[in-house]
């Protein structure tokens, strides 16, 4: 019995020493950026199209991306870019750091269209990937988009501010 207790005590001591030798890795908190939301909107659909595409194509880089229920920004989205082409196609690049879930492929392409009356962009209408983003502001080379995403059967709000690269 003493041998069993001694073995148990030695095993526990080794476990305690091993645990104390390990360092606890702190989770990084995304940097809180103070980026003002753009407030203006173009007066016509043609002006909005020109703002989005630069009359050919325009690349937009994520500055912020927030998902309802999570504190701070999702830093894995901050290397994402959109290119809107004036022919109604887009190219989405999830960047080097993918979030998983819907962000499971680095490059996606599809179709987009403007609903000027509702200041919205609809992506991939009529497909299983269809989604709509409200343009809450676009001015001074920045755009704010708001929308909803379904994750595990729950609808969550998303919001991002983008700045054009070219």
Protein backbone atom coordinates (compact mmCIF):
# COMPACT_ATOMS: atom_id res chain seq x y z
CA UNK A 1 0.00 0.00 0.00
CA UNK A 2 2.90 2.34 0.85
CA UNK A 3 4.43 1.65 -2.58
CA UNK A 4 1.13 2.49 -4.28
CA UNK A 5 0.77 5.75 -2.29
CA UNK A 6 4.41 6.63 -2.95
CA UNK A 7 3.97 6.02 -6.67
CA UNK A 8 0.80 8.15 -6.69
CA UNK A 9 2.55 10.99 -4.82
CA UNK A 10 5.58 10.86 -7.15
CA UNK A 11 3.29 10.87 -10.19
CA UNK A 12 1.38 13.87 -8.83
CA UNK A 13 4.64 15.73 -8.09
CA UNK A 14 5.92 15.10 -11.60
CA UNK A 15 2.60 16.34 -13.00
CA UNK A 16 2.74 19.49 -10.85
CA UNK A 17 6.33 20.20 -11.88
CA UNK A 18 5.42 19.67 -15.54
CA UNK A 19 2.43 21.98 -15.27
CA UNK A 20 4.40 24.70 -13.49
CA UNK A 21 7.10 24.50 -16.18
CA UNK A 22 4.53 25.29 -18.89
CA UNK A 23 3.67 28.89 -19.57
CA UNK A 24 0.13 29.98 -20.17
CA UNK A 25 -0.31 31.46 -23.61
CA UNK A 26 -2.34 34.65 -23.51
CA UNK A 27 -4.96 35.12 -26.17
CA UNK A 28 -4.40 38.21 -28.25
CA UNK A 29 -7.07 40.87 -28.07
CA UNK A 30 -7.50 42.52 -31.46
CA UNK A 31 -6.35 46.12 -31.54
CA UNK A 32 -9.27 48.48 -31.07
CA UNK A 33 -9.14 50.88 -33.99
CA UNK A 34 -10.94 54.19 -33.88
CA UNK A 35 -12.21 54.41 -37.44
CA UNK A 36 -15.13 56.71 -38.11
CA UNK A 37 -17.95 55.31 -40.19
CA UNK A 38 -18.45 57.05 -43.52
CA UNK A 39 -21.81 58.85 -43.53
CA UNK A 40 -22.36 60.13 -47.07
CA UNK A 41 -24.02 58.36 -49.95
CA UNK A 42 -23.95 59.14 -53.68
CA UNK A 43 -26.97 60.91 -55.10
CA UNK A 44 -27.43 58.65 -58.12
CA UNK A 45 -26.96 55.00 -59.02
CA UNK A 46 -24.33 55.99 -61.59
CA UNK A 47 -22.35 57.85 -58.89
CA UNK A 48 -22.57 54.82 -56.59
CA UNK A 49 -21.41 52.50 -59.37
CA UNK A 50 -18.49 54.82 -60.14
CA UNK A 51 -17.58 54.95 -56.44
CA UNK A 52 -17.67 51.15 -56.11
CA UNK A 53 -15.84 50.34 -59.35
CA UNK A 54 -13.89 53.45 -60.37
CA UNK A 55 -15.62 52.99 -63.77
CA UNK A 56 -13.64 49.75 -64.31
CA UNK A 57 -12.63 47.97 -61.11
CA UNK A 58 -11.81 48.97 -57.58
CA UNK A 59 -10.21 46.95 -54.80
CA UNK A 60 -11.49 47.41 -51.26
CA UNK A 61 -9.49 46.34 -48.15
CA UNK A 62 -11.19 45.57 -44.84
CA UNK A 63 -10.30 48.05 -42.08
CA UNK A 64 -12.77 46.68 -39.55
CA UNK A 65 -15.00 43.62 -39.40
CA UNK A 66 -17.29 42.92 -36.47
CA UNK A 67 -19.55 39.95 -35.85
CA UNK A 68 -22.41 40.28 -33.38
CA UNK A 69 -21.61 38.68 -30.05
CA UNK A 70 -17.83 38.95 -30.38
CA UNK A 71 -15.84 41.71 -28.72
CA UNK A 72 -13.46 43.62 -30.93
CA UNK A 73 -12.65 43.03 -34.55
CA UNK A 74 -12.19 39.67 -36.18
CA UNK A 75 -8.54 40.12 -37.09
CA UNK A 76 -8.69 37.21 -39.57
CA UNK A 77 -10.93 39.40 -41.77
CA UNK A 78 -8.59 42.40 -41.80
CA UNK A 79 -6.54 41.01 -44.69
CA UNK A 80 -9.65 40.41 -46.83
CA UNK A 81 -10.19 42.33 -50.07
CA UNK A 82 -13.08 42.78 -52.53
CA UNK A 83 -12.69 43.83 -56.11
CA UNK A 84 -15.87 45.14 -57.71
CA UNK A 85 -15.81 45.12 -61.52
CA UNK A 86 -18.16 47.38 -63.47
CA UNK A 87 -19.41 44.37 -65.48
CA UNK A 88 -21.23 43.08 -62.36
CA UNK A 89 -18.64 40.53 -61.24
CA UNK A 90 -16.59 40.51 -58.05
CA UNK A 91 -13.50 38.81 -56.70
CA UNK A 92 -13.20 38.18 -52.98
CA UNK A 93 -9.81 37.28 -51.50
CA UNK A 94 -9.91 35.98 -47.92
CA UNK A 95 -6.24 36.86 -47.45
CA UNK A 96 -3.54 34.76 -45.89
CA UNK A 97 -5.40 34.30 -42.59
CA UNK A 98 -8.71 32.47 -43.08
CA UNK A 99 -11.38 32.49 -40.37
CA UNK A 100 -12.93 29.13 -41.22
CA UNK A 101 -16.62 28.53 -41.79
CA UNK A 102 -17.71 30.69 -44.72
CA UNK A 103 -14.13 31.93 -45.02
CA UNK A 104 -12.84 28.52 -46.09
CA UNK A 105 -11.41 29.39 -49.50
CA UNK A 106 -8.95 32.12 -50.26
CA UNK A 107 -10.47 33.39 -53.54
CA UNK A 108 -14.14 33.45 -54.50
CA UNK A 109 -15.80 35.04 -57.50
CA UNK A 110 -19.38 35.76 -58.41
CA UNK A 111 -21.93 38.33 -59.49
CA UNK A 112 -23.11 41.46 -57.72
CA UNK A 113 -25.75 44.08 -58.37
CA UNK A 114 -26.84 47.38 -56.85
CA UNK A 115 -30.25 48.00 -55.34
CA UNK A 116 -29.90 51.80 -55.28
CA UNK A 117 -33.34 52.47 -53.76
CA UNK A 118 -32.35 50.47 -50.66
CA UNK A 119 -28.62 51.31 -50.83
CA UNK A 120 -27.75 47.64 -50.95
CA UNK A 121 -25.47 45.26 -52.81
CA UNK A 122 -26.77 41.78 -53.57
CA UNK A 123 -24.19 39.09 -54.14
CA UNK A 124 -24.89 35.94 -56.17
CA UNK A 125 -28.67 36.50 -56.54
CA UNK A 126 -30.66 33.31 -57.06
CA UNK A 127 -27.94 30.99 -55.72
CA UNK A 128 -27.42 29.31 -52.38
CA UNK A 129 -24.70 31.90 -51.72
CA UNK A 130 -27.05 34.89 -52.15
CA UNK A 131 -26.47 37.61 -49.59
CA UNK A 132 -27.23 41.30 -49.29
CA UNK A 133 -25.18 44.04 -47.67
CA UNK A 134 -26.57 47.47 -46.82
CA UNK A 135 -24.33 50.41 -47.66
CA UNK A 136 -24.61 52.57 -44.57
CA UNK A 137 -22.11 55.10 -45.88
CA UNK A 138 -19.62 55.63 -48.67
CA UNK A 139 -17.34 58.66 -48.95
CA UNK A 140 -13.72 59.77 -48.83
CA UNK A 141 -12.44 56.37 -50.12
CA UNK A 142 -14.26 54.43 -47.37
CA UNK A 143 -17.41 52.33 -47.34
CA UNK A 144 -19.36 50.75 -44.52
CA UNK A 145 -21.35 47.59 -45.20
CA UNK A 146 -23.83 45.95 -42.83
CA UNK A 147 -25.55 42.64 -43.22
CA UNK A 148 -26.49 39.37 -41.63
CA UNK A 149 -24.89 35.96 -41.67
CA UNK A 150 -26.32 32.65 -40.55
CA UNK A 151 -24.03 30.61 -38.32
CA UNK A 152 -25.25 27.27 -36.94
CA UNK A 153 -28.87 28.26 -37.55
CA UNK A 154 -28.55 31.63 -35.78
CA UNK A 155 -28.68 34.94 -37.69
CA UNK A 156 -26.00 37.40 -36.57
CA UNK A 157 -25.31 40.99 -37.61
CA UNK A 158 -22.02 41.79 -39.35
CA UNK A 159 -20.48 45.17 -40.06
CA UNK A 160 -17.32 46.18 -41.87
CA UNK A 161 -15.57 49.33 -42.97
CA UNK A 162 -13.56 49.07 -46.16
CA UNK A 163 -11.08 51.40 -47.80
CA UNK A 164 -10.22 51.32 -51.46
CA UNK A 165 -6.71 50.33 -52.41
CA UNK A 166 -6.66 51.66 -55.99
